[in-house]
Amino acid sequence: MGGKVTVRVGTEQITADDIIDWNSLGDIVASFEKRGLEPRPTMGAQNERVLGIGNDEYIVVIEAGPHEAADDYLPESTSRHTNIVASEDFGRFTFISRLRSWEEQKRGDVKYQQLSFEKEAFRQGLDNEDQILRNINAIQYQSSTPPIERVRQGSRRALSYVRNLI
């Protein structure tokens, strides 16, 4: 017989209640499994969980230490282009995406984009809660380029692609 066959059923949305319940790396991974991402238990460090997004691309979920900032965990690889950093004892979450631009890569420049929010703000109802949830739910299996609006510096033209979360 052949190898393992994965059958994908429709994906569920991550909700504010899911985020309020993020108290461990496993909780965050379970939410993204609803979006069709595949846990890779043999990859990553002790404080990391790796999720396959397709075509040898990954998102890394990281628990920051007590005195560490999200900026300590910038994605360093084009195959692991987005890090989700849980800090402040799972009270703050930061999505950091490495932007890919051919021109920037040729010059050796690497740019990052971040989206941060507090769990407590979801309990109280954020003004931009819907936008944050839309951005998070744009992440699903085989969609490493979610259509998130981004405005380039010096331009009012909105672009939609690259692994942006904001």
N, C-alpha and C. Protein backbone atom coordinates (compact mmCIF):
# COMPACT_ATOMS: atom_id res chain seq x y z
N MET A 1 0.84 -1.18 0.00
CA MET A 1 0.00 0.00 0.00
C MET A 1 0.88 1.24 0.00
N GLY A 2 0.25 2.39 -0.30
CA GLY A 2 0.96 3.67 -0.41
C GLY A 2 1.20 4.32 0.93
N GLY A 3 1.64 5.57 0.86
CA GLY A 3 1.93 6.35 2.06
C GLY A 3 0.67 6.92 2.67
N LYS A 4 0.88 7.71 3.67
CA LYS A 4 -0.21 8.33 4.41
C LYS A 4 -0.92 9.37 3.52
N VAL A 5 -2.24 9.34 3.52
CA VAL A 5 -3.03 10.30 2.77
C VAL A 5 -3.74 11.20 3.76
N THR A 6 -3.60 12.51 3.60
CA THR A 6 -4.25 13.47 4.46
C THR A 6 -5.46 14.03 3.74
N VAL A 7 -6.62 13.92 4.37
CA VAL A 7 -7.84 14.46 3.80
C VAL A 7 -8.20 15.71 4.59
N ARG A 8 -8.35 16.83 3.92
CA ARG A 8 -8.66 18.08 4.58
C ARG A 8 -10.15 18.37 4.48
N VAL A 9 -10.73 18.58 5.61
CA VAL A 9 -12.12 18.99 5.68
C VAL A 9 -12.09 20.50 5.81
N GLY A 10 -13.22 21.18 5.65
CA GLY A 10 -13.26 22.63 5.78
C GLY A 10 -12.59 23.11 7.05
N THR A 11 -12.19 24.36 7.04
CA THR A 11 -11.52 24.91 8.21
C THR A 11 -12.49 25.73 9.04
N GLU A 12 -12.19 25.80 10.32
CA GLU A 12 -12.97 26.59 11.26
C GLU A 12 -12.25 27.91 11.51
N GLN A 13 -12.99 28.90 11.94
CA GLN A 13 -12.43 30.19 12.28
C GLN A 13 -11.88 30.17 13.71
N ILE A 14 -10.77 30.87 13.92
CA ILE A 14 -10.27 31.11 15.26
C ILE A 14 -11.08 32.28 15.81
N THR A 15 -11.55 32.16 17.03
CA THR A 15 -12.42 33.17 17.63
C THR A 15 -11.71 33.89 18.78
N ALA A 16 -12.33 34.96 19.24
CA ALA A 16 -11.81 35.67 20.41
C ALA A 16 -11.77 34.74 21.62
N ASP A 17 -12.78 33.86 21.75
CA ASP A 17 -12.79 32.90 22.86
C ASP A 17 -11.59 31.95 22.79
N ASP A 18 -11.20 31.55 21.57
CA ASP A 18 -10.01 30.71 21.43
C ASP A 18 -8.79 31.45 21.99
N ILE A 19 -8.63 32.70 21.59
CA ILE A 19 -7.46 33.48 22.01
C ILE A 19 -7.46 33.67 23.52
N ILE A 20 -8.62 33.93 24.10
CA ILE A 20 -8.73 34.08 25.55
C ILE A 20 -8.26 32.81 26.26
N ASP A 21 -8.45 31.65 25.60
CA ASP A 21 -8.05 30.37 26.19
C ASP A 21 -6.62 29.95 25.86
N TRP A 22 -5.84 30.80 25.18
CA TRP A 22 -4.45 30.46 24.88
C TRP A 22 -3.62 30.58 26.16
N ASN A 23 -3.36 29.44 26.80
CA ASN A 23 -2.56 29.41 28.02
C ASN A 23 -1.33 28.53 27.89
N SER A 24 -1.12 27.97 26.71
CA SER A 24 0.04 27.12 26.46
C SER A 24 0.30 27.09 24.96
N LEU A 25 1.48 26.61 24.61
CA LEU A 25 1.79 26.45 23.18
C LEU A 25 0.79 25.49 22.54
N GLY A 26 0.42 24.45 23.28
CA GLY A 26 -0.55 23.47 22.77
C GLY A 26 -1.89 24.10 22.44
N ASP A 27 -2.34 25.06 23.25
CA ASP A 27 -3.61 25.74 22.99
C ASP A 27 -3.55 26.53 21.68
N ILE A 28 -2.43 27.21 21.45
CA ILE A 28 -2.27 28.00 20.22
C ILE A 28 -2.22 27.06 19.03
N VAL A 29 -1.45 25.98 19.14
CA VAL A 29 -1.35 25.00 18.05
C VAL A 29 -2.72 24.42 17.74
N ALA A 30 -3.50 24.08 18.76
CA ALA A 30 -4.84 23.52 18.54
C ALA A 30 -5.72 24.49 17.76
N SER A 31 -5.61 25.78 18.04
CA SER A 31 -6.39 26.77 17.29
C SER A 31 -6.01 26.77 15.82
N PHE A 32 -4.71 26.71 15.55
CA PHE A 32 -4.28 26.74 14.15
C PHE A 32 -4.50 25.41 13.44
N GLU A 33 -4.62 24.34 14.19
CA GLU A 33 -5.03 23.07 13.56
C GLU A 33 -6.43 23.22 12.97
N LYS A 34 -7.29 24.01 13.62
CA LYS A 34 -8.62 24.26 13.07
C LYS A 34 -8.54 24.96 11.71
N ARG A 35 -7.44 25.67 11.45
CA ARG A 35 -7.22 26.36 10.18
C ARG A 35 -6.54 25.45 9.16
N GLY A 36 -6.29 24.20 9.55
CA GLY A 36 -5.70 23.24 8.63
C GLY A 36 -4.18 23.12 8.70
N LEU A 37 -3.53 23.88 9.60
CA LEU A 37 -2.08 23.77 9.73
C LEU A 37 -1.73 22.45 10.40
N GLU A 38 -0.57 21.92 10.05
CA GLU A 38 -0.17 20.61 10.54
C GLU A 38 0.96 20.71 11.56
N PRO A 39 0.73 20.24 12.79
CA PRO A 39 1.80 20.23 13.78
C PRO A 39 2.97 19.35 13.32
N ARG A 40 4.18 19.81 13.56
CA ARG A 40 5.40 19.05 13.26
C ARG A 40 6.14 18.83 14.56
N PRO A 41 5.74 17.79 15.32
CA PRO A 41 6.28 17.61 16.67
C PRO A 41 7.78 17.33 16.72
N THR A 42 8.39 16.88 15.64
CA THR A 42 9.81 16.58 15.68
C THR A 42 10.68 17.79 15.33
N MET A 43 10.05 18.91 15.03
CA MET A 43 10.80 20.12 14.66
C MET A 43 10.67 21.14 15.79
N GLY A 44 11.66 21.99 15.94
CA GLY A 44 11.58 23.08 16.90
C GLY A 44 12.29 22.78 18.21
N ALA A 45 12.58 23.85 18.93
CA ALA A 45 13.25 23.77 20.23
C ALA A 45 12.22 23.48 21.33
N GLN A 46 12.70 23.37 22.55
CA GLN A 46 11.83 23.03 23.68
C GLN A 46 10.71 24.06 23.87
N ASN A 47 10.99 25.34 23.64
CA ASN A 47 9.99 26.38 23.85
C ASN A 47 9.26 26.74 22.55
N GLU A 48 9.31 25.84 21.56
CA GLU A 48 8.70 26.10 20.25
C GLU A 48 7.81 24.94 19.82
N ARG A 49 6.82 25.28 19.02
CA ARG A 49 6.02 24.30 18.29
C ARG A 49 6.00 24.78 16.85
N VAL A 50 6.17 23.86 15.94
CA VAL A 50 6.22 24.19 14.52
C VAL A 50 4.97 23.67 13.83
N LEU A 51 4.39 24.52 12.99
CA LEU A 51 3.20 24.16 12.23
C LEU A 51 3.52 24.24 10.75
N GLY A 52 3.21 23.17 10.01
CA GLY A 52 3.39 23.18 8.56
C GLY A 52 2.26 23.94 7.91
N ILE A 53 2.65 24.85 7.02
CA ILE A 53 1.65 25.63 6.30
C ILE A 53 1.59 25.17 4.83
N GLY A 54 2.49 24.26 4.47
CA GLY A 54 2.49 23.69 3.12
C GLY A 54 3.77 23.99 2.38
N ASN A 55 4.09 23.12 1.42
CA ASN A 55 5.25 23.32 0.55
C ASN A 55 6.53 23.66 1.30
N ASP A 56 6.83 22.89 2.33
CA ASP A 56 8.03 23.10 3.13
C ASP A 56 8.12 24.50 3.73
N GLU A 57 6.99 25.07 4.10
CA GLU A 57 6.95 26.35 4.79
C GLU A 57 6.28 26.14 6.14
N TYR A 58 6.73 26.93 7.13
CA TYR A 58 6.32 26.69 8.50
C TYR A 58 6.06 28.00 9.24
N ILE A 59 5.21 27.89 10.24
CA ILE A 59 5.00 28.95 11.22
C ILE A 59 5.50 28.38 12.54
N VAL A 60 6.23 29.20 13.30
CA VAL A 60 6.79 28.74 14.57
C VAL A 60 6.08 29.47 15.70
N VAL A 61 5.55 28.70 16.65
CA VAL A 61 4.89 29.24 17.85
C VAL A 61 5.90 29.13 18.98
N ILE A 62 6.19 30.26 19.63
CA ILE A 62 7.29 30.33 20.60
C ILE A 62 6.80 30.89 21.92
N GLU A 63 7.24 30.29 23.01
CA GLU A 63 6.99 30.85 24.34
C GLU A 63 8.25 31.61 24.77
N ALA A 64 8.13 32.92 24.88
CA ALA A 64 9.26 33.75 25.29
C ALA A 64 9.49 33.58 26.79
N GLY A 65 10.73 33.69 27.18
CA GLY A 65 11.09 33.61 28.59
C GLY A 65 10.66 34.86 29.34
N PRO A 66 10.82 34.87 30.67
CA PRO A 66 10.33 35.98 31.50
C PRO A 66 10.90 37.35 31.14
N HIS A 67 12.13 37.42 30.72
CA HIS A 67 12.74 38.72 30.42
C HIS A 67 13.06 38.86 28.94
N GLU A 68 12.36 38.12 28.10
CA GLU A 68 12.59 38.17 26.66
C GLU A 68 11.45 38.92 25.98
N ALA A 69 11.81 39.59 24.89
CA ALA A 69 10.82 40.33 24.10
C ALA A 69 10.57 39.59 22.79
N ALA A 70 9.46 39.90 22.16
CA ALA A 70 9.13 39.28 20.87
C ALA A 70 10.24 39.53 19.85
N ASP A 71 10.87 40.71 19.93
CA ASP A 71 11.96 41.03 18.99
C ASP A 71 13.15 40.10 19.11
N ASP A 72 13.24 39.36 20.21
CA ASP A 72 14.31 38.37 20.37
C ASP A 72 14.08 37.17 19.46
N TYR A 73 12.91 37.08 18.83
CA TYR A 73 12.54 35.91 18.04
C TYR A 73 12.14 36.28 16.62
N LEU A 74 12.97 37.06 15.95
CA LEU A 74 12.69 37.40 14.55
C LEU A 74 12.89 36.16 13.68
N PRO A 75 12.00 35.92 12.72
CA PRO A 75 12.19 34.77 11.82
C PRO A 75 13.48 34.95 11.02
N GLU A 76 14.29 33.92 10.99
CA GLU A 76 15.58 34.02 10.31
C GLU A 76 15.62 33.24 9.00
N SER A 77 14.55 32.57 8.67
CA SER A 77 14.54 31.70 7.50
C SER A 77 13.36 32.03 6.61
N THR A 78 13.53 31.87 5.30
CA THR A 78 12.41 32.10 4.40
C THR A 78 11.41 30.95 4.45
N SER A 79 11.83 29.77 4.93
CA SER A 79 10.87 28.66 5.05
C SER A 79 10.12 28.73 6.37
N ARG A 80 10.68 29.42 7.35
CA ARG A 80 10.00 29.66 8.63
C ARG A 80 9.84 31.17 8.73
N HIS A 81 8.86 31.67 8.01
CA HIS A 81 8.74 33.11 7.77
C HIS A 81 7.91 33.86 8.79
N THR A 82 7.14 33.16 9.61
CA THR A 82 6.30 33.84 10.60
C THR A 82 6.48 33.17 11.95
N ASN A 83 6.72 33.99 12.96
CA ASN A 83 6.77 33.51 14.34
C ASN A 83 5.60 34.10 15.10
N ILE A 84 4.98 33.26 15.92
CA ILE A 84 3.95 33.72 16.84
C ILE A 84 4.58 33.60 18.22
N VAL A 85 4.82 34.75 18.86
CA VAL A 85 5.53 34.76 20.13
C VAL A 85 4.54 35.06 21.26
N ALA A 86 4.44 34.12 22.19
CA ALA A 86 3.64 34.30 23.39
C ALA A 86 4.57 34.80 24.48
N SER A 87 4.23 35.93 25.07
CA SER A 87 5.07 36.48 26.13
C SER A 87 4.19 36.89 27.31
N GLU A 88 4.85 37.35 28.35
CA GLU A 88 4.16 37.78 29.57
C GLU A 88 3.20 36.70 30.08
N ASP A 89 3.73 35.46 30.16
CA ASP A 89 2.98 34.32 30.68
C ASP A 89 1.66 34.11 29.91
N PHE A 90 1.76 34.15 28.58
CA PHE A 90 0.63 33.97 27.66
C PHE A 90 -0.42 35.07 27.81
N GLY A 91 0.04 36.27 28.14
CA GLY A 91 -0.85 37.42 28.21
C GLY A 91 -0.74 38.34 27.01
N ARG A 92 0.36 38.21 26.25
CA ARG A 92 0.61 39.05 25.07
C ARG A 92 1.08 38.16 23.93
N PHE A 93 0.58 38.46 22.74
CA PHE A 93 0.93 37.68 21.56
C PHE A 93 1.41 38.61 20.46
N THR A 94 2.51 38.23 19.82
CA THR A 94 3.08 39.02 18.74
C THR A 94 3.31 38.11 17.55
N PHE A 95 2.75 38.49 16.42
CA PHE A 95 2.98 37.80 15.15
C PHE A 95 4.05 38.60 14.43
N ILE A 96 5.15 37.96 14.08
CA ILE A 96 6.25 38.62 13.38
C ILE A 96 6.45 37.90 12.06
N SER A 97 6.33 38.65 10.97
CA SER A 97 6.52 38.06 9.64
C SER A 97 7.73 38.66 8.97
N ARG A 98 8.50 37.80 8.36
CA ARG A 98 9.62 38.22 7.54
C ARG A 98 9.05 38.54 6.17
N LEU A 99 9.27 39.77 5.71
CA LEU A 99 8.75 40.18 4.41
C LEU A 99 9.73 39.76 3.32
N ARG A 100 9.16 39.29 2.24
CA ARG A 100 10.01 38.90 1.12
C ARG A 100 9.80 39.88 -0.02
N SER A 101 10.83 40.53 -0.39
CA SER A 101 10.84 41.40 -1.55
C SER A 101 12.11 41.08 -2.33
N TRP A 102 11.96 40.83 -3.60
CA TRP A 102 13.11 40.47 -4.42
C TRP A 102 14.18 41.55 -4.36
N GLU A 103 13.78 42.81 -4.46
CA GLU A 103 14.75 43.90 -4.43
C GLU A 103 15.47 43.96 -3.09
N GLU A 104 14.72 43.79 -2.02
CA GLU A 104 15.35 43.82 -0.70
C GLU A 104 16.29 42.64 -0.51
N GLN A 105 15.90 41.47 -1.00
CA GLN A 105 16.77 40.30 -0.87
C GLN A 105 18.06 40.48 -1.64
N LYS A 106 17.98 41.09 -2.82
CA LYS A 106 19.19 41.31 -3.61
C LYS A 106 20.17 42.21 -2.86
N ARG A 107 19.65 43.18 -2.11
CA ARG A 107 20.51 44.10 -1.35
C ARG A 107 20.90 43.53 0.01
N GLY A 108 20.30 42.41 0.38
CA GLY A 108 20.59 41.82 1.69
C GLY A 108 19.75 42.41 2.81
N ASP A 109 18.77 43.25 2.47
CA ASP A 109 17.89 43.83 3.48
C ASP A 109 16.80 42.84 3.85
N VAL A 110 16.52 42.73 5.12
CA VAL A 110 15.42 41.91 5.58
C VAL A 110 14.51 42.82 6.39
N LYS A 111 13.23 42.80 6.09
CA LYS A 111 12.26 43.63 6.80
C LYS A 111 11.26 42.72 7.50
N TYR A 112 10.74 43.21 8.60
CA TYR A 112 9.78 42.45 9.39
C TYR A 112 8.54 43.31 9.63
N GLN A 113 7.43 42.64 9.81
CA GLN A 113 6.21 43.33 10.18
C GLN A 113 5.62 42.62 11.39
N GLN A 114 5.04 43.39 12.31
CA GLN A 114 4.54 42.82 13.55
C GLN A 114 3.10 43.21 13.81
N LEU A 115 2.41 42.31 14.46
CA LEU A 115 1.06 42.56 14.98
C LEU A 115 1.05 42.02 16.40
N SER A 116 0.77 42.90 17.38
CA SER A 116 0.75 42.49 18.78
C SER A 116 -0.59 42.82 19.40
N PHE A 117 -0.99 42.00 20.35
CA PHE A 117 -2.22 42.28 21.09
C PHE A 117 -2.15 41.57 22.44
N GLU A 118 -2.93 42.08 23.36
CA GLU A 118 -3.01 41.54 24.71
C GLU A 118 -4.24 40.64 24.82
N LYS A 119 -4.10 39.52 25.49
CA LYS A 119 -5.23 38.63 25.72
C LYS A 119 -6.33 39.36 26.49
N GLU A 120 -5.95 40.15 27.47
CA GLU A 120 -6.93 40.87 28.29
C GLU A 120 -7.79 41.80 27.44
N ALA A 121 -7.22 42.37 26.40
CA ALA A 121 -7.99 43.26 25.52
C ALA A 121 -9.10 42.49 24.81
N PHE A 122 -8.88 41.21 24.50
CA PHE A 122 -9.94 40.41 23.90
C PHE A 122 -11.06 40.13 24.90
N ARG A 123 -10.71 40.02 26.16
CA ARG A 123 -11.73 39.84 27.18
C ARG A 123 -12.62 41.08 27.30
N GLN A 124 -12.00 42.24 27.09
CA GLN A 124 -12.73 43.50 27.25
C GLN A 124 -13.33 44.01 25.94
N GLY A 125 -12.97 43.39 24.82
CA GLY A 125 -13.49 43.82 23.52
C GLY A 125 -12.63 44.91 22.90
N LEU A 126 -11.77 44.51 21.99
CA LEU A 126 -10.88 45.44 21.28
C LEU A 126 -11.65 46.24 20.23
N ASP A 127 -11.20 47.45 19.95
CA ASP A 127 -11.79 48.22 18.85
C ASP A 127 -11.52 47.54 17.51
N ASN A 128 -10.32 46.99 17.34
CA ASN A 128 -9.95 46.38 16.06
C ASN A 128 -9.94 44.85 16.13
N GLU A 129 -10.75 44.29 17.02
CA GLU A 129 -10.80 42.84 17.21
C GLU A 129 -11.13 42.11 15.91
N ASP A 130 -12.11 42.60 15.14
CA ASP A 130 -12.48 41.94 13.88
C ASP A 130 -11.32 41.91 12.90
N GLN A 131 -10.57 43.01 12.81
CA GLN A 131 -9.42 43.06 11.89
C GLN A 131 -8.34 42.07 12.31
N ILE A 132 -8.06 41.99 13.59
CA ILE A 132 -7.05 41.05 14.08
C ILE A 132 -7.50 39.62 13.79
N LEU A 133 -8.75 39.31 14.06
CA LEU A 133 -9.25 37.95 13.79
C LEU A 133 -9.23 37.64 12.30
N ARG A 134 -9.55 38.61 11.45
CA ARG A 134 -9.47 38.39 9.99
C ARG A 134 -8.04 38.06 9.58
N ASN A 135 -7.07 38.81 10.13
CA ASN A 135 -5.67 38.56 9.80
C ASN A 135 -5.23 37.18 10.27
N ILE A 136 -5.61 36.81 11.48
CA ILE A 136 -5.24 35.50 12.01
C ILE A 136 -5.89 34.39 11.18
N ASN A 137 -7.17 34.57 10.83
CA ASN A 137 -7.89 33.54 10.08
C ASN A 137 -7.51 33.48 8.61
N ALA A 138 -6.72 34.45 8.14
CA ALA A 138 -6.20 34.36 6.77
C ALA A 138 -5.12 33.29 6.68
N ILE A 139 -4.59 32.89 7.85
CA ILE A 139 -3.57 31.85 7.89
C ILE A 139 -4.28 30.50 7.84
N GLN A 140 -4.00 29.75 6.81
CA GLN A 140 -4.53 28.40 6.69
C GLN A 140 -3.58 27.58 5.84
N TYR A 141 -3.80 26.28 5.81
CA TYR A 141 -2.92 25.39 5.07
C TYR A 141 -2.89 25.78 3.60
N GLN A 142 -1.72 25.76 3.00
CA GLN A 142 -1.49 26.09 1.59
C GLN A 142 -1.80 27.54 1.28
N SER A 143 -1.72 28.42 2.28
CA SER A 143 -1.95 29.85 2.02
C SER A 143 -0.87 30.67 2.70
N SER A 144 0.35 30.47 2.31
CA SER A 144 1.44 31.19 2.97
C SER A 144 1.46 32.65 2.56
N THR A 145 0.59 33.05 1.65
CA THR A 145 0.51 34.45 1.27
C THR A 145 -0.92 34.95 1.45
N PRO A 146 -1.36 35.09 2.71
CA PRO A 146 -2.73 35.52 2.93
C PRO A 146 -2.96 36.93 2.41
N PRO A 147 -4.15 37.21 1.91
CA PRO A 147 -4.43 38.53 1.34
C PRO A 147 -4.71 39.56 2.42
N ILE A 148 -3.65 40.07 2.98
CA ILE A 148 -3.76 41.09 4.02
C ILE A 148 -3.29 42.41 3.43
N GLU A 149 -4.02 43.44 3.72
CA GLU A 149 -3.70 44.74 3.14
C GLU A 149 -2.47 45.34 3.81
N ARG A 150 -1.61 45.88 2.98
CA ARG A 150 -0.42 46.54 3.49
C ARG A 150 -0.17 47.79 2.65
N VAL A 151 0.21 48.87 3.25
CA VAL A 151 0.51 50.08 2.52
C VAL A 151 2.02 50.28 2.55
N ARG A 152 2.63 50.34 1.38
CA ARG A 152 4.08 50.53 1.31
C ARG A 152 4.46 51.94 1.73
N GLN A 153 5.61 52.05 2.36
CA GLN A 153 6.11 53.35 2.77
C GLN A 153 6.28 54.23 1.55
N GLY A 154 5.77 55.45 1.60
CA GLY A 154 5.88 56.36 0.48
C GLY A 154 4.81 56.16 -0.58
N SER A 155 3.89 55.25 -0.37
CA SER A 155 2.85 54.98 -1.36
C SER A 155 1.53 54.75 -0.65
N ARG A 156 0.46 55.24 -1.22
CA ARG A 156 -0.86 55.02 -0.67
C ARG A 156 -1.51 53.79 -1.28
N ARG A 157 -0.84 53.19 -2.26
CA ARG A 157 -1.40 52.03 -2.94
C ARG A 157 -1.37 50.83 -2.00
N ALA A 158 -2.50 50.20 -1.80
CA ALA A 158 -2.58 49.03 -0.93
C ALA A 158 -2.17 47.80 -1.72
N LEU A 159 -1.34 46.99 -1.12
CA LEU A 159 -0.92 45.74 -1.73
C LEU A 159 -1.50 44.60 -0.93
N SER A 160 -1.75 43.50 -1.57
CA SER A 160 -2.20 42.34 -0.80
C SER A 160 -1.36 41.15 -1.20
N TYR A 161 -0.42 40.82 -0.39
CA TYR A 161 0.31 39.58 -0.37
C TYR A 161 1.49 39.62 0.55
N VAL A 162 2.40 38.75 0.35
CA VAL A 162 3.53 38.48 1.21
C VAL A 162 2.99 38.04 2.57
N ARG A 163 3.66 37.43 3.36
CA ARG A 163 3.18 36.84 4.57
C ARG A 163 2.88 37.86 5.66
N ASN A 164 2.18 38.94 5.31
CA ASN A 164 1.92 40.01 6.27
C ASN A 164 0.78 39.64 7.19
N LEU A 165 0.90 40.05 8.41
CA LEU A 165 -0.18 39.83 9.37
C LEU A 165 -0.86 41.12 9.75
N ILE A 166 -0.29 42.26 9.35
CA ILE A 166 -0.96 43.53 9.60
C ILE A 166 -0.98 44.34 8.34
